[in-house]
């Protein structure tokens, strides 16, 4: 089904691209309603506004109280919905998106109150009410590029535009930027083991400049959430954390390792992943993965969706690989016949020097001084917790003792089964069925059995 959807998505993108619907400069100008407009003039303005607005976002039209031409009764506001779908598909497949954020310069969709108006007069009244706002009602419309350059636009967002949906578009744009940054660093540097952030203020090359900008975008969004200027949902937090995870995690290599049967390719991939495991980038990735599962494990905190299952899968794959790549961990025990590099070949091996009496870092909790020290210097050891099942199979909000992210082979089965149980409980709680969930749970069960 996803392959079929990807095919249709490509066709829709081509149509929108050739028709000029992606560019603000080629969109039709729409006249604003005035109190003095006659009913016929007002109906014409409303029809043209609906025609232009219908291409921006997928949404259901309430109804039309007049017999409008069939071509104007659009139910698809396509551009930004396709942008989100393309970004999610790119994150799932780890491929470039079919519709890039760079192509979309049309303004954000209108506020739901305007779009849900059931008549031309109601639309006019709501529009004029928005314009009465002395500050936000006088602001010019903004688009994706404006907010990617300067997230502070959300401090004073135009009242007649959909702020919450715009934020989701920006977060998906940042996620796509993160995937591009990941690919660029791998191509130019060979791997993600060497971080770019510490020296970004003094290094003006394009790669570090991109990395600094992404870091600033994430920081500004967090600040805006902290001030309460923009709506904060669990789904939005997961999308933000997933974008940060993609920046620091070689997910392509991790998924390749699971699928590969060639032992020579396996050991080559393991060597690269081992270098990543010993870097500060791995610690950042583990932190963001823990934050994703922090949201996932809270009952009734998110609305189940296929893409959120993918986000949970990628986060746990990152944690599982981090565990297995530790000295004496799962992957070394799983491939004893391979020529695993000895510890003497690795400089500054943190696993061999780790003092396990150092502070415990809860990667699925709020940031602390200990977590900041671990992220920057590697001091401490990371751990994650799971909900504790009761005897009758129900679940409480209490958590199991912290599980250090340095498991031995004998602990892998319990870890894999616990992850699968948690994913199935969280994403099937409303009685719905998400097809991709079955495959992901089977992978976790298989990983537990194999190791």
Foldseek 3Di string as FASTA:
>chain_A
DVVVVLVVLLVVVVVCVVQVLQAQVNADDQDADDPPDDQVRLQVSVLSVQQSQQQQAQAAADEEPDDDDPNSNHRHNHDLNSLLVQLLVCLLVVHQGSDAPVRHFHFAHWAPCLRHDHYSVSNNVVLVVLCPPPQLNPDDTGHLVVCLQPVCCLLRPRNGHHQQSSLSSNLSNLLSLLSVLQVVCCVVPVALLDDLAVCLVPDDDPSSVSVVSSVVSLVVVVVCVVVVSGDDALVSLLSNLLSLLSNLDPLVLLVCLLVDDDLVSNQVSLVRVLSSLQHLSLLSNLLSLLQLVLQLLDAPRDAFDQSSLSSNLSSVSSLLSSQQSAVQAAVCVLCVVDPHDDPVVDPPRCRVVADAVWAEDESNDDDDPVSVCCSVPVTHFYWYWHWDADPVRDTDPDTDPTDTSHDHLVCLQVVLQRSLVSSCCRNCVVVDDDVVSVVSNVSSNVRSVSD
